[in-house]
Amino acid sequence: MTKVKIVIGDRLGKGQNIAKGVEAAGGIPIVISGVGADMKVGDVMMQEGADLGLSFCGSGGAGALTAKTKYGYPVEYGLRSVDAGITALRSGKKVIGFGFMDTEELGRRMTEECIKLRGR
């Protein structure tokens, strides 16, 4: 089985801590570099054949909604906690938008859940 690929796009060009958590859980992080990276999450997911996209900006919605509009990905946005992200993932969302949360815990827990769901 191939590893879980997770695209990370942060409006301010961050996401390195999330990537550490993804790697720690056995996933492959793909961090989009540069300011406005959240708006490219859907594009990079398509190019990479990624399992999940995580978008980060002030509202937690811009990148996720762009991915939905361009590619039809099921999305959840405006989230402010890891637990809310886990719930969205369990409900079948493929792009999840958060407020700014560049934490290893988020990357680790989202990857663990994605792997768990894939095994079902």
PDB file of N, CA and C in Angstrom:
ATOM      1  N   MET A   1       0.841  -1.183   0.000  1.00  0.00           N
ATOM      2  CA  MET A   1       0.000   0.000   0.000  1.00  0.00           C
ATOM      3  C   MET A   1       0.886   1.246   0.000  1.00  0.00           C
ATOM      4  N   THR A   2       0.547   2.198  -0.824  1.00  0.00           N
ATOM      5  CA  THR A   2       1.333   3.424  -0.880  1.00  0.00           C
ATOM      6  C   THR A   2       1.044   4.291   0.343  1.00  0.00           C
ATOM      7  N   LYS A   3       1.993   5.134   0.648  1.00  0.00           N
ATOM      8  CA  LYS A   3       1.827   6.035   1.792  1.00  0.00           C
ATOM      9  C   LYS A   3       0.789   7.112   1.494  1.00  0.00           C
ATOM     10  N   VAL A   4       0.201   7.635   2.546  1.00  0.00           N
ATOM     11  CA  VAL A   4      -0.760   8.723   2.441  1.00  0.00           C
ATOM     12  C   VAL A   4      -0.019  10.007   2.081  1.00  0.00           C
ATOM     13  N   LYS A   5      -0.512  10.707   1.041  1.00  0.00           N
ATOM     14  CA  LYS A   5       0.061  12.001   0.641  1.00  0.00           C
ATOM     15  C   LYS A   5      -0.875  13.104   1.098  1.00  0.00           C
ATOM     16  N   ILE A   6      -0.303  14.089   1.769  1.00  0.00           N
ATOM     17  CA  ILE A   6      -1.092  15.210   2.279  1.00  0.00           C
ATOM     18  C   ILE A   6      -0.477  16.518   1.810  1.00  0.00           C
ATOM     19  N   VAL A   7      -1.283  17.298   1.105  1.00  0.00           N
ATOM     20  CA  VAL A   7      -0.865  18.607   0.617  1.00  0.00           C
ATOM     21  C   VAL A   7      -1.176  19.649   1.684  1.00  0.00           C
ATOM     22  N   ILE A   8      -0.216  20.538   1.923  1.00  0.00           N
ATOM     23  CA  ILE A   8      -0.352  21.581   2.940  1.00  0.00           C
ATOM     24  C   ILE A   8      -0.140  22.928   2.273  1.00  0.00           C
ATOM     25  N   GLY A   9      -1.167  23.782   2.366  1.00  0.00           N
ATOM     26  CA  GLY A   9      -1.072  25.123   1.802  1.00  0.00           C
ATOM     27  C   GLY A   9      -1.440  26.156   2.837  1.00  0.00           C
ATOM     28  N   ASP A  10      -0.521  27.046   3.150  1.00  0.00           N
ATOM     29  CA  ASP A  10      -0.729  28.076   4.165  1.00  0.00           C
ATOM     30  C   ASP A  10      -0.638  29.455   3.523  1.00  0.00           C
ATOM     31  N   ARG A  11      -1.589  30.308   3.796  1.00  0.00           N
ATOM     32  CA  ARG A  11      -1.650  31.652   3.225  1.00  0.00           C
ATOM     33  C   ARG A  11      -0.357  32.429   3.442  1.00  0.00           C
ATOM     34  N   LEU A  12       0.315  32.188   4.573  1.00  0.00           N
ATOM     35  CA  LEU A  12       1.541  32.923   4.899  1.00  0.00           C
ATOM     36  C   LEU A  12       2.809  32.149   4.550  1.00  0.00           C
ATOM     37  N   GLY A  13       2.663  31.028   3.845  1.00  0.00           N
ATOM     38  CA  GLY A  13       3.827  30.261   3.424  1.00  0.00           C
ATOM     39  C   GLY A  13       4.391  29.348   4.488  1.00  0.00           C
ATOM     40  N   LYS A  14       3.621  29.087   5.541  1.00  0.00           N
ATOM     41  CA  LYS A  14       4.096  28.199   6.604  1.00  0.00           C
ATOM     42  C   LYS A  14       3.630  26.773   6.316  1.00  0.00           C
ATOM     43  N   GLY A  15       3.636  25.932   7.333  1.00  0.00           N
ATOM     44  CA  GLY A  15       3.199  24.548   7.193  1.00  0.00           C
ATOM     45  C   GLY A  15       4.282  23.541   7.506  1.00  0.00           C
ATOM     46  N   GLN A  16       5.487  24.013   7.837  1.00  0.00           N
ATOM     47  CA  GLN A  16       6.601  23.119   8.099  1.00  0.00           C
ATOM     48  C   GLN A  16       6.370  22.258   9.342  1.00  0.00           C
ATOM     49  N   ASN A  17       5.718  22.798  10.369  1.00  0.00           N
ATOM     50  CA  ASN A  17       5.444  22.007  11.570  1.00  0.00           C
ATOM     51  C   ASN A  17       4.400  20.936  11.292  1.00  0.00           C
ATOM     52  N   ILE A  18       3.401  21.267  10.508  1.00  0.00           N
ATOM     53  CA  ILE A  18       2.397  20.275  10.116  1.00  0.00           C
ATOM     54  C   ILE A  18       3.089  19.141   9.354  1.00  0.00           C
ATOM     55  N   ALA A  19       3.988  19.508   8.461  1.00  0.00           N
ATOM     56  CA  ALA A  19       4.726  18.509   7.675  1.00  0.00           C
ATOM     57  C   ALA A  19       5.514  17.563   8.576  1.00  0.00           C
ATOM     58  N   LYS A  20       6.114  18.076   9.642  1.00  0.00           N
ATOM     59  CA  LYS A  20       6.846  17.219  10.586  1.00  0.00           C
ATOM     60  C   LYS A  20       5.904  16.191  11.206  1.00  0.00           C
ATOM     61  N   GLY A  21       4.706  16.620  11.553  1.00  0.00           N
ATOM     62  CA  GLY A  21       3.723  15.705  12.128  1.00  0.00           C
ATOM     63  C   GLY A  21       3.262  14.658  11.133  1.00  0.00           C
ATOM     64  N   VAL A  22       3.077  15.054   9.867  1.00  0.00           N
ATOM     65  CA  VAL A  22       2.686  14.114   8.812  1.00  0.00           C
ATOM     66  C   VAL A  22       3.773  13.042   8.664  1.00  0.00           C
ATOM     67  N   GLU A  23       5.021  13.476   8.610  1.00  0.00           N
ATOM     68  CA  GLU A  23       6.137  12.530   8.483  1.00  0.00           C
ATOM     69  C   GLU A  23       6.230  11.611   9.683  1.00  0.00           C
ATOM     70  N   ALA A  24       6.049  12.162  10.883  1.00  0.00           N
ATOM     71  CA  ALA A  24       6.134  11.363  12.107  1.00  0.00           C
ATOM     72  C   ALA A  24       5.078  10.255  12.121  1.00  0.00           C
ATOM     73  N   ALA A  25       3.941  10.495  11.491  1.00  0.00           N
ATOM     74  CA  ALA A  25       2.858   9.506  11.446  1.00  0.00           C
ATOM     75  C   ALA A  25       2.979   8.557  10.260  1.00  0.00           C
ATOM     76  N   GLY A  26       4.013   8.734   9.443  1.00  0.00           N
ATOM     77  CA  GLY A  26       4.229   7.836   8.321  1.00  0.00           C
ATOM     78  C   GLY A  26       3.661   8.299   6.999  1.00  0.00           C
ATOM     79  N   GLY A  27       3.251   9.548   6.917  1.00  0.00           N
ATOM     80  CA  GLY A  27       2.722  10.087   5.669  1.00  0.00           C
ATOM     81  C   GLY A  27       3.759  10.856   4.881  1.00  0.00           C
ATOM     82  N   ILE A  28       3.366  11.278   3.699  1.00  0.00           N
ATOM     83  CA  ILE A  28       4.220  12.093   2.835  1.00  0.00           C
ATOM     84  C   ILE A  28       3.626  13.500   2.770  1.00  0.00           C
ATOM     85  N   PRO A  29       4.293  14.490   3.363  1.00  0.00           N
ATOM     86  CA  PRO A  29       3.798  15.857   3.285  1.00  0.00           C
ATOM     87  C   PRO A  29       4.269  16.541   2.008  1.00  0.00           C
ATOM     88  N   ILE A  30       3.396  17.323   1.428  1.00  0.00           N
ATOM     89  CA  ILE A  30       3.757  18.141   0.272  1.00  0.00           C
ATOM     90  C   ILE A  30       3.402  19.572   0.655  1.00  0.00           C
ATOM     91  N   VAL A  31       4.419  20.340   1.037  1.00  0.00           N
ATOM     92  CA  VAL A  31       4.201  21.714   1.473  1.00  0.00           C
ATOM     93  C   VAL A  31       4.339  22.634   0.268  1.00  0.00           C
ATOM     94  N   ILE A  32       3.301  23.405   0.006  1.00  0.00           N
ATOM     95  CA  ILE A  32       3.335  24.386  -1.074  1.00  0.00           C
ATOM     96  C   ILE A  32       4.047  25.619  -0.529  1.00  0.00           C
ATOM     97  N   SER A  33       5.071  26.065  -1.220  1.00  0.00           N
ATOM     98  CA  SER A  33       5.835  27.209  -0.716  1.00  0.00           C
ATOM     99  C   SER A  33       5.228  28.530  -1.178  1.00  0.00           C
ATOM    100  N   GLY A  34       5.528  29.555  -0.407  1.00  0.00           N
ATOM    101  CA  GLY A  34       5.159  30.912  -0.783  1.00  0.00           C
ATOM    102  C   GLY A  34       3.849  31.403  -0.215  1.00  0.00           C
ATOM    103  N   VAL A  35       3.742  32.717  -0.189  1.00  0.00           N
ATOM    104  CA  VAL A  35       2.535  33.383   0.278  1.00  0.00           C
ATOM    105  C   VAL A  35       1.388  33.065  -0.682  1.00  0.00           C
ATOM    106  N   GLY A  36       0.222  32.787  -0.142  1.00  0.00           N
ATOM    107  CA  GLY A  36      -0.940  32.456  -0.960  1.00  0.00           C
ATOM    108  C   GLY A  36      -1.003  30.990  -1.351  1.00  0.00           C
ATOM    109  N   ALA A  37      -0.190  30.162  -0.695  1.00  0.00           N
ATOM    110  CA  ALA A  37      -0.132  28.736  -1.027  1.00  0.00           C
ATOM    111  C   ALA A  37      -1.477  28.041  -0.830  1.00  0.00           C
ATOM    112  N   ASP A  38      -2.307  28.544   0.068  1.00  0.00           N
ATOM    113  CA  ASP A  38      -3.610  27.915   0.317  1.00  0.00           C
ATOM    114  C   ASP A  38      -4.471  27.864  -0.939  1.00  0.00           C
ATOM    115  N   MET A  39      -4.301  28.816  -1.823  1.00  0.00           N
ATOM    116  CA  MET A  39      -5.110  28.884  -3.035  1.00  0.00           C
ATOM    117  C   MET A  39      -4.700  27.839  -4.081  1.00  0.00           C
ATOM    118  N   LYS A  40      -3.592  27.153  -3.840  1.00  0.00           N
ATOM    119  CA  LYS A  40      -3.086  26.150  -4.787  1.00  0.00           C
ATOM    120  C   LYS A  40      -3.294  24.713  -4.309  1.00  0.00           C
ATOM    121  N   VAL A  41      -3.957  24.519  -3.170  1.00  0.00           N
ATOM    122  CA  VAL A  41      -4.103  23.182  -2.597  1.00  0.00           C
ATOM    123  C   VAL A  41      -4.758  22.220  -3.588  1.00  0.00           C
ATOM    124  N   GLY A  42      -5.861  22.592  -4.186  1.00  0.00           N
ATOM    125  CA  GLY A  42      -6.553  21.715  -5.138  1.00  0.00           C
ATOM    126  C   GLY A  42      -5.697  21.381  -6.340  1.00  0.00           C
ATOM    127  N   ASP A  43      -4.996  22.373  -6.871  1.00  0.00           N
ATOM    128  CA  ASP A  43      -4.121  22.148  -8.026  1.00  0.00           C
ATOM    129  C   ASP A  43      -3.042  21.116  -7.710  1.00  0.00           C
ATOM    130  N   VAL A  44      -2.385  21.277  -6.562  1.00  0.00           N
ATOM    131  CA  VAL A  44      -1.295  20.382  -6.192  1.00  0.00           C
ATOM    132  C   VAL A  44      -1.841  18.994  -5.847  1.00  0.00           C
ATOM    133  N   MET A  45      -3.011  18.929  -5.240  1.00  0.00           N
ATOM    134  CA  MET A  45      -3.620  17.622  -4.966  1.00  0.00           C
ATOM    135  C   MET A  45      -3.838  16.847  -6.258  1.00  0.00           C
ATOM    136  N   MET A  46      -4.348  17.517  -7.269  1.00  0.00           N
ATOM    137  CA  MET A  46      -4.569  16.865  -8.559  1.00  0.00           C
ATOM    138  C   MET A  46      -3.258  16.408  -9.182  1.00  0.00           C
ATOM    139  N   GLN A  47      -2.252  17.273  -9.171  1.00  0.00           N
ATOM    140  CA  GLN A  47      -0.953  16.946  -9.759  1.00  0.00           C
ATOM    141  C   GLN A  47      -0.280  15.772  -9.063  1.00  0.00           C
ATOM    142  N   GLU A  48      -0.410  15.707  -7.748  1.00  0.00           N
ATOM    143  CA  GLU A  48       0.307  14.709  -6.945  1.00  0.00           C
ATOM    144  C   GLU A  48      -0.521  13.459  -6.651  1.00  0.00           C
ATOM    145  N   GLY A  49      -1.817  13.482  -6.974  1.00  0.00           N
ATOM    146  CA  GLY A  49      -2.681  12.366  -6.615  1.00  0.00           C
ATOM    147  C   GLY A  49      -2.779  12.207  -5.107  1.00  0.00           C
ATOM    148  N   ALA A  50      -2.890  13.325  -4.413  1.00  0.00           N
ATOM    149  CA  ALA A  50      -2.880  13.335  -2.946  1.00  0.00           C
ATOM    150  C   ALA A  50      -4.191  12.820  -2.360  1.00  0.00           C
ATOM    151  N   ASP A  51      -4.076  12.319  -1.148  1.00  0.00           N
ATOM    152  CA  ASP A  51      -5.219  11.785  -0.420  1.00  0.00           C
ATOM    153  C   ASP A  51      -6.002  12.874   0.310  1.00  0.00           C
ATOM    154  N   LEU A  52      -5.302  13.921   0.740  1.00  0.00           N
ATOM    155  CA  LEU A  52      -5.917  14.944   1.583  1.00  0.00           C
ATOM    156  C   LEU A  52      -5.228  16.276   1.346  1.00  0.00           C
ATOM    157  N   GLY A  53      -5.998  17.346   1.435  1.00  0.00           N
ATOM    158  CA  GLY A  53      -5.447  18.692   1.359  1.00  0.00           C
ATOM    159  C   GLY A  53      -5.795  19.453   2.613  1.00  0.00           C
ATOM    160  N   LEU A  54      -4.826  20.142   3.181  1.00  0.00           N
ATOM    161  CA  LEU A  54      -5.034  20.978   4.358  1.00  0.00           C
ATOM    162  C   LEU A  54      -4.718  22.415   3.976  1.00  0.00           C
ATOM    163  N   SER A  55      -5.705  23.276   4.166  1.00  0.00           N
ATOM    164  CA  SER A  55      -5.594  24.670   3.762  1.00  0.00           C
ATOM    165  C   SER A  55      -5.671  25.555   5.000  1.00  0.00           C
ATOM    166  N   PHE A  56      -4.774  26.554   5.070  1.00  0.00           N
ATOM    167  CA  PHE A  56      -4.716  27.423   6.244  1.00  0.00           C
ATOM    168  C   PHE A  56      -4.716  28.890   5.837  1.00  0.00           C
ATOM    169  N   CYS A  57      -5.650  29.638   6.402  1.00  0.00           N
ATOM    170  CA  CYS A  57      -5.673  31.089   6.240  1.00  0.00           C
ATOM    171  C   CYS A  57      -6.439  31.651   7.435  1.00  0.00           C
ATOM    172  N   GLY A  58      -6.649  32.930   7.462  1.00  0.00           N
ATOM    173  CA  GLY A  58      -7.334  33.533   8.595  1.00  0.00           C
ATOM    174  C   GLY A  58      -8.711  32.941   8.834  1.00  0.00           C
ATOM    175  N   SER A  59      -9.490  32.799   7.776  1.00  0.00           N
ATOM    176  CA  SER A  59     -10.855  32.275   7.910  1.00  0.00           C
ATOM    177  C   SER A  59     -10.907  30.767   7.785  1.00  0.00           C
ATOM    178  N   GLY A  60      -9.895  30.184   7.159  1.00  0.00           N
ATOM    179  CA  GLY A  60      -9.888  28.748   6.943  1.00  0.00           C
ATOM    180  C   GLY A  60     -10.734  28.306   5.768  1.00  0.00           C
ATOM    181  N   GLY A  61     -11.109  29.231   4.889  1.00  0.00           N
ATOM    182  CA  GLY A  61     -12.011  28.851   3.814  1.00  0.00           C
ATOM    183  C   GLY A  61     -11.549  29.047   2.396  1.00  0.00           C
ATOM    184  N   ALA A  62     -10.712  30.019   2.135  1.00  0.00           N
ATOM    185  CA  ALA A  62     -10.398  30.403   0.762  1.00  0.00           C
ATOM    186  C   ALA A  62      -9.825  29.263  -0.075  1.00  0.00           C
ATOM    187  N   GLY A  63      -8.806  28.601   0.419  1.00  0.00           N
ATOM    188  CA  GLY A  63      -8.181  27.520  -0.340  1.00  0.00           C
ATOM    189  C   GLY A  63      -9.089  26.315  -0.499  1.00  0.00           C
ATOM    190  N   ALA A  64      -9.822  25.982   0.564  1.00  0.00           N
ATOM    191  CA  ALA A  64     -10.738  24.840   0.500  1.00  0.00           C
ATOM    192  C   ALA A  64     -11.845  25.097  -0.513  1.00  0.00           C
ATOM    193  N   LEU A  65     -12.414  26.275  -0.485  1.00  0.00           N
ATOM    194  CA  LEU A  65     -13.494  26.590  -1.428  1.00  0.00           C
ATOM    195  C   LEU A  65     -12.991  26.663  -2.863  1.00  0.00           C
ATOM    196  N   THR A  66     -11.764  27.110  -3.051  1.00  0.00           N
ATOM    197  CA  THR A  66     -11.181  27.122  -4.391  1.00  0.00           C
ATOM    198  C   THR A  66     -11.019  25.696  -4.906  1.00  0.00           C
ATOM    199  N   ALA A  67     -10.565  24.783  -4.051  1.00  0.00           N
ATOM    200  CA  ALA A  67     -10.408  23.376  -4.442  1.00  0.00           C
ATOM    201  C   ALA A  67     -11.763  22.753  -4.782  1.00  0.00           C
ATOM    202  N   LYS A  68     -12.787  23.128  -4.045  1.00  0.00           N
ATOM    203  CA  LYS A  68     -14.134  22.609  -4.330  1.00  0.00           C
ATOM    204  C   LYS A  68     -14.643  23.144  -5.668  1.00  0.00           C
ATOM    205  N   THR A  69     -14.474  24.437  -5.875  1.00  0.00           N
ATOM    206  CA  THR A  69     -14.963  25.072  -7.100  1.00  0.00           C
ATOM    207  C   THR A  69     -14.250  24.531  -8.340  1.00  0.00           C
ATOM    208  N   LYS A  70     -12.930  24.404  -8.275  1.00  0.00           N
ATOM    209  CA  LYS A  70     -12.154  23.971  -9.439  1.00  0.00           C
ATOM    210  C   LYS A  70     -12.241  22.475  -9.711  1.00  0.00           C
ATOM    211  N   TYR A  71     -12.270  21.666  -8.636  1.00  0.00           N
ATOM    212  CA  TYR A  71     -12.135  20.219  -8.815  1.00  0.00           C
ATOM    213  C   TYR A  71     -13.259  19.387  -8.202  1.00  0.00           C
ATOM    214  N   GLY A  72     -14.156  20.018  -7.488  1.00  0.00           N
ATOM    215  CA  GLY A  72     -15.268  19.284  -6.891  1.00  0.00           C
ATOM    216  C   GLY A  72     -14.932  18.503  -5.633  1.00  0.00           C
ATOM    217  N   TYR A  73     -13.786  18.775  -5.024  1.00  0.00           N
ATOM    218  CA  TYR A  73     -13.427  18.088  -3.791  1.00  0.00           C
ATOM    219  C   TYR A  73     -14.450  18.385  -2.696  1.00  0.00           C
ATOM    220  N   PRO A  74     -14.832  17.379  -1.910  1.00  0.00           N
ATOM    221  CA  PRO A  74     -15.688  17.647  -0.746  1.00  0.00           C
ATOM    222  C   PRO A  74     -14.856  18.373   0.316  1.00  0.00           C
ATOM    223  N   VAL A  75     -15.391  19.452   0.844  1.00  0.00           N
ATOM    224  CA  VAL A  75     -14.622  20.292   1.761  1.00  0.00           C
ATOM    225  C   VAL A  75     -15.367  20.586   3.054  1.00  0.00           C
ATOM    226  N   GLU A  76     -14.579  20.954   4.030  1.00  0.00           N
ATOM    227  CA  GLU A  76     -15.061  21.520   5.290  1.00  0.00           C
ATOM    228  C   GLU A  76     -14.103  22.661   5.582  1.00  0.00           C
ATOM    229  N   TYR A  77     -14.604  23.758   6.081  1.00  0.00           N
ATOM    230  CA  TYR A  77     -13.711  24.896   6.312  1.00  0.00           C
ATOM    231  C   TYR A  77     -14.169  25.707   7.513  1.00  0.00           C
ATOM    232  N   GLY A  78     -13.308  26.626   7.912  1.00  0.00           N
ATOM    233  CA  GLY A  78     -13.583  27.462   9.075  1.00  0.00           C
ATOM    234  C   GLY A  78     -13.290  26.743  10.386  1.00  0.00           C
ATOM    235  N   LEU A  79     -12.488  25.703  10.344  1.00  0.00           N
ATOM    236  CA  LEU A  79     -12.220  24.897  11.533  1.00  0.00           C
ATOM    237  C   LEU A  79     -11.124  25.521  12.384  1.00  0.00           C
ATOM    238  N   ARG A  80     -11.227  25.259  13.681  1.00  0.00           N
ATOM    239  CA  ARG A  80     -10.288  25.859  14.625  1.00  0.00           C
ATOM    240  C   ARG A  80      -9.669  24.845  15.584  1.00  0.00           C
ATOM    241  N   SER A  81      -9.911  23.551  15.368  1.00  0.00           N
ATOM    242  CA  SER A  81      -9.327  22.548  16.256  1.00  0.00           C
ATOM    243  C   SER A  81      -9.005  21.276  15.483  1.00  0.00           C
ATOM    244  N   VAL A  82      -8.067  20.511  16.027  1.00  0.00           N
ATOM    245  CA  VAL A  82      -7.696  19.245  15.417  1.00  0.00           C
ATOM    246  C   VAL A  82      -8.888  18.289  15.447  1.00  0.00           C
ATOM    247  N   ASP A  83      -9.603  18.256  16.556  1.00  0.00           N
ATOM    248  CA  ASP A  83     -10.760  17.359  16.663  1.00  0.00           C
ATOM    249  C   ASP A  83     -11.812  17.653  15.594  1.00  0.00           C
ATOM    250  N   ALA A  84     -12.030  18.928  15.288  1.00  0.00           N
ATOM    251  CA  ALA A  84     -12.974  19.283  14.221  1.00  0.00           C
ATOM    252  C   ALA A  84     -12.474  18.770  12.875  1.00  0.00           C
ATOM    253  N   GLY A  85     -11.160  18.813  12.668  1.00  0.00           N
ATOM    254  CA  GLY A  85     -10.573  18.290  11.438  1.00  0.00           C
ATOM    255  C   GLY A  85     -10.742  16.782  11.321  1.00  0.00           C
ATOM    256  N   ILE A  86     -10.580  16.076  12.420  1.00  0.00           N
ATOM    257  CA  ILE A  86     -10.766  14.621  12.438  1.00  0.00           C
ATOM    258  C   ILE A  86     -12.219  14.288  12.082  1.00  0.00           C
ATOM    259  N   THR A  87     -13.153  15.036  12.649  1.00  0.00           N
ATOM    260  CA  THR A  87     -14.576  14.817  12.361  1.00  0.00           C
ATOM    261  C   THR A  87     -14.859  15.038  10.880  1.00  0.00           C
ATOM    262  N   ALA A  88     -14.284  16.089  10.304  1.00  0.00           N
ATOM    263  CA  ALA A  88     -14.479  16.374   8.879  1.00  0.00           C
ATOM    264  C   ALA A  88     -13.904  15.250   8.020  1.00  0.00           C
ATOM    265  N   LEU A  89     -12.736  14.768   8.386  1.00  0.00           N
ATOM    266  CA  LEU A  89     -12.101  13.671   7.651  1.00  0.00           C
ATOM    267  C   LEU A  89     -12.971  12.419   7.712  1.00  0.00           C
ATOM    268  N   ARG A  90     -13.498  12.113   8.880  1.00  0.00           N
ATOM    269  CA  ARG A  90     -14.368  10.946   9.049  1.00  0.00           C
ATOM    270  C   ARG A  90     -15.649  11.060   8.236  1.00  0.00           C
ATOM    271  N   SER A  91     -16.078  12.289   7.976  1.00  0.00           N
ATOM    272  CA  SER A  91     -17.312  12.479   7.198  1.00  0.00           C
ATOM    273  C   SER A  91     -17.045  12.540   5.692  1.00  0.00           C
ATOM    274  N   GLY A  92     -15.808  12.246   5.287  1.00  0.00           N
ATOM    275  CA  GLY A  92     -15.506  12.122   3.872  1.00  0.00           C
ATOM    276  C   GLY A  92     -14.943  13.351   3.192  1.00  0.00           C
ATOM    277  N   LYS A  93     -14.578  14.365   3.934  1.00  0.00           N
ATOM    278  CA  LYS A  93     -14.007  15.567   3.331  1.00  0.00           C
ATOM    279  C   LYS A  93     -12.576  15.302   2.875  1.00  0.00           C
ATOM    280  N   LYS A  94     -12.220  15.851   1.723  1.00  0.00           N
ATOM    281  CA  LYS A  94     -10.888  15.647   1.147  1.00  0.00           C
ATOM    282  C   LYS A  94     -10.012  16.890   1.232  1.00  0.00           C
ATOM    283  N   VAL A  95     -10.633  18.062   1.389  1.00  0.00           N
ATOM    284  CA  VAL A  95      -9.881  19.296   1.618  1.00  0.00           C
ATOM    285  C   VAL A  95     -10.480  19.935   2.857  1.00  0.00           C
ATOM    286  N   ILE A  96      -9.617  20.218   3.809  1.00  0.00           N
ATOM    287  CA  ILE A  96     -10.081  20.749   5.084  1.00  0.00           C
ATOM    288  C   ILE A  96      -9.376  22.070   5.348  1.00  0.00           C
ATOM    289  N   GLY A  97     -10.179  23.106   5.597  1.00  0.00           N
ATOM    290  CA  GLY A  97      -9.658  24.449   5.818  1.00  0.00           C
ATOM    291  C   GLY A  97      -9.692  24.837   7.282  1.00  0.00           C
ATOM    292  N   PHE A  98      -8.548  25.262   7.766  1.00  0.00           N
ATOM    293  CA  PHE A  98      -8.390  25.697   9.153  1.00  0.00           C
ATOM    294  C   PHE A  98      -7.974  27.164   9.200  1.00  0.00           C
ATOM    295  N   GLY A  99      -8.182  27.783  10.365  1.00  0.00           N
ATOM    296  CA  GLY A  99      -7.500  29.035  10.652  1.00  0.00           C
ATOM    297  C   GLY A  99      -6.025  28.680  10.805  1.00  0.00           C
ATOM    298  N   PHE A 100      -5.191  29.650  11.070  1.00  0.00           N
ATOM    299  CA  PHE A 100      -3.755  29.383  11.166  1.00  0.00           C
ATOM    300  C   PHE A 100      -3.455  28.443  12.336  1.00  0.00           C
ATOM    301  N   MET A 101      -2.914  27.269  12.027  1.00  0.00           N
ATOM    302  CA  MET A 101      -2.600  26.254  13.042  1.00  0.00           C
ATOM    303  C   MET A 101      -1.414  25.419  12.586  1.00  0.00           C
ATOM    304  N   ASP A 102      -0.239  25.962  12.514  1.00  0.00           N
ATOM    305  CA  ASP A 102       0.943  25.223  12.045  1.00  0.00           C
ATOM    306  C   ASP A 102       1.533  24.415  13.199  1.00  0.00           C
ATOM    307  N   THR A 103       0.885  23.274  13.522  1.00  0.00           N
ATOM    308  CA  THR A 103       1.339  22.450  14.640  1.00  0.00           C
ATOM    309  C   THR A 103       1.616  21.018  14.198  1.00  0.00           C
ATOM    310  N   GLU A 104       2.605  20.410  14.822  1.00  0.00           N
ATOM    311  CA  GLU A 104       2.919  19.011  14.536  1.00  0.00           C
ATOM    312  C   GLU A 104       1.749  18.111  14.896  1.00  0.00           C
ATOM    313  N   GLU A 105       1.061  18.422  16.003  1.00  0.00           N
ATOM    314  CA  GLU A 105      -0.073  17.600  16.436  1.00  0.00           C
ATOM    315  C   GLU A 105      -1.121  17.491  15.336  1.00  0.00           C
ATOM    316  N   LEU A 106      -1.436  18.597  14.694  1.00  0.00           N
ATOM    317  CA  LEU A 106      -2.437  18.579  13.624  1.00  0.00           C
ATOM    318  C   LEU A 106      -1.994  17.653  12.503  1.00  0.00           C
ATOM    319  N   GLY A 107      -0.764  17.783  12.050  1.00  0.00           N
ATOM    320  CA  GLY A 107      -0.264  16.932  10.977  1.00  0.00           C
ATOM    321  C   GLY A 107      -0.246  15.467  11.358  1.00  0.00           C
ATOM    322  N   ARG A 108       0.191  15.178  12.565  1.00  0.00           N
ATOM    323  CA  ARG A 108       0.281  13.794  13.028  1.00  0.00           C
ATOM    324  C   ARG A 108      -1.106  13.156  13.140  1.00  0.00           C
ATOM    325  N   ARG A 109      -2.018  13.836  13.813  1.00  0.00           N
ATOM    326  CA  ARG A 109      -3.346  13.245  14.041  1.00  0.00           C
ATOM    327  C   ARG A 109      -4.159  13.112  12.756  1.00  0.00           C
ATOM    328  N   MET A 110      -4.054  14.088  11.872  1.00  0.00           N
ATOM    329  CA  MET A 110      -4.785  13.997  10.609  1.00  0.00           C
ATOM    330  C   MET A 110      -4.242  12.844   9.758  1.00  0.00           C
ATOM    331  N   THR A 111      -2.936  12.659   9.775  1.00  0.00           N
ATOM    332  CA  THR A 111      -2.325  11.567   9.015  1.00  0.00           C
ATOM    333  C   THR A 111      -2.716  10.220   9.602  1.00  0.00           C
ATOM    334  N   GLU A 112      -2.644  10.098  10.917  1.00  0.00           N
ATOM    335  CA  GLU A 112      -3.035   8.844  11.559  1.00  0.00           C
ATOM    336  C   GLU A 112      -4.471   8.471  11.217  1.00  0.00           C
ATOM    337  N   GLU A 113      -5.363   9.457  11.250  1.00  0.00           N
ATOM    338  CA  GLU A 113      -6.769   9.196  10.934  1.00  0.00           C
ATOM    339  C   GLU A 113      -6.955   8.841   9.474  1.00  0.00           C
ATOM    340  N   CYS A 114      -6.247   9.509   8.598  1.00  0.00           N
ATOM    341  CA  CYS A 114      -6.324   9.218   7.167  1.00  0.00           C
ATOM    342  C   CYS A 114      -5.868   7.787   6.879  1.00  0.00           C
ATOM    343  N   ILE A 115      -4.793   7.363   7.528  1.00  0.00           N
ATOM    344  CA  ILE A 115      -4.294   5.997   7.373  1.00  0.00           C
ATOM    345  C   ILE A 115      -5.324   4.997   7.910  1.00  0.00           C
ATOM    346  N   LYS A 116      -5.880   5.306   9.047  1.00  0.00           N
ATOM    347  CA  LYS A 116      -6.890   4.441   9.667  1.00  0.00           C
ATOM    348  C   LYS A 116      -8.114   4.296   8.749  1.00  0.00           C
ATOM    349  N   LEU A 117      -8.589   5.388   8.201  1.00  0.00           N
ATOM    350  CA  LEU A 117      -9.754   5.358   7.316  1.00  0.00           C
ATOM    351  C   LEU A 117      -9.451   4.620   6.023  1.00  0.00           C
ATOM    352  N   ARG A 118      -8.259   4.748   5.536  1.00  0.00           N
ATOM    353  CA  ARG A 118      -7.861   4.079   4.296  1.00  0.00           C
ATOM    354  C   ARG A 118      -7.874   2.562   4.467  1.00  0.00           C
ATOM    355  N   GLY A 119      -7.568   2.099   5.682  1.00  0.00           N
ATOM    356  CA  GLY A 119      -7.531   0.671   5.964  1.00  0.00           C
ATOM    357  C   GLY A 119      -8.884   0.002   6.075  1.00  0.00           C
ATOM    358  N   ARG A 120      -9.946   0.781   6.084  1.00  0.00           N
ATOM    359  CA  ARG A 120     -11.305   0.218   6.226  1.00  0.00           C
ATOM    360  C   ARG A 120     -11.772  -0.443   4.973  1.00  0.00           C
TER     361      ARG A 120
END
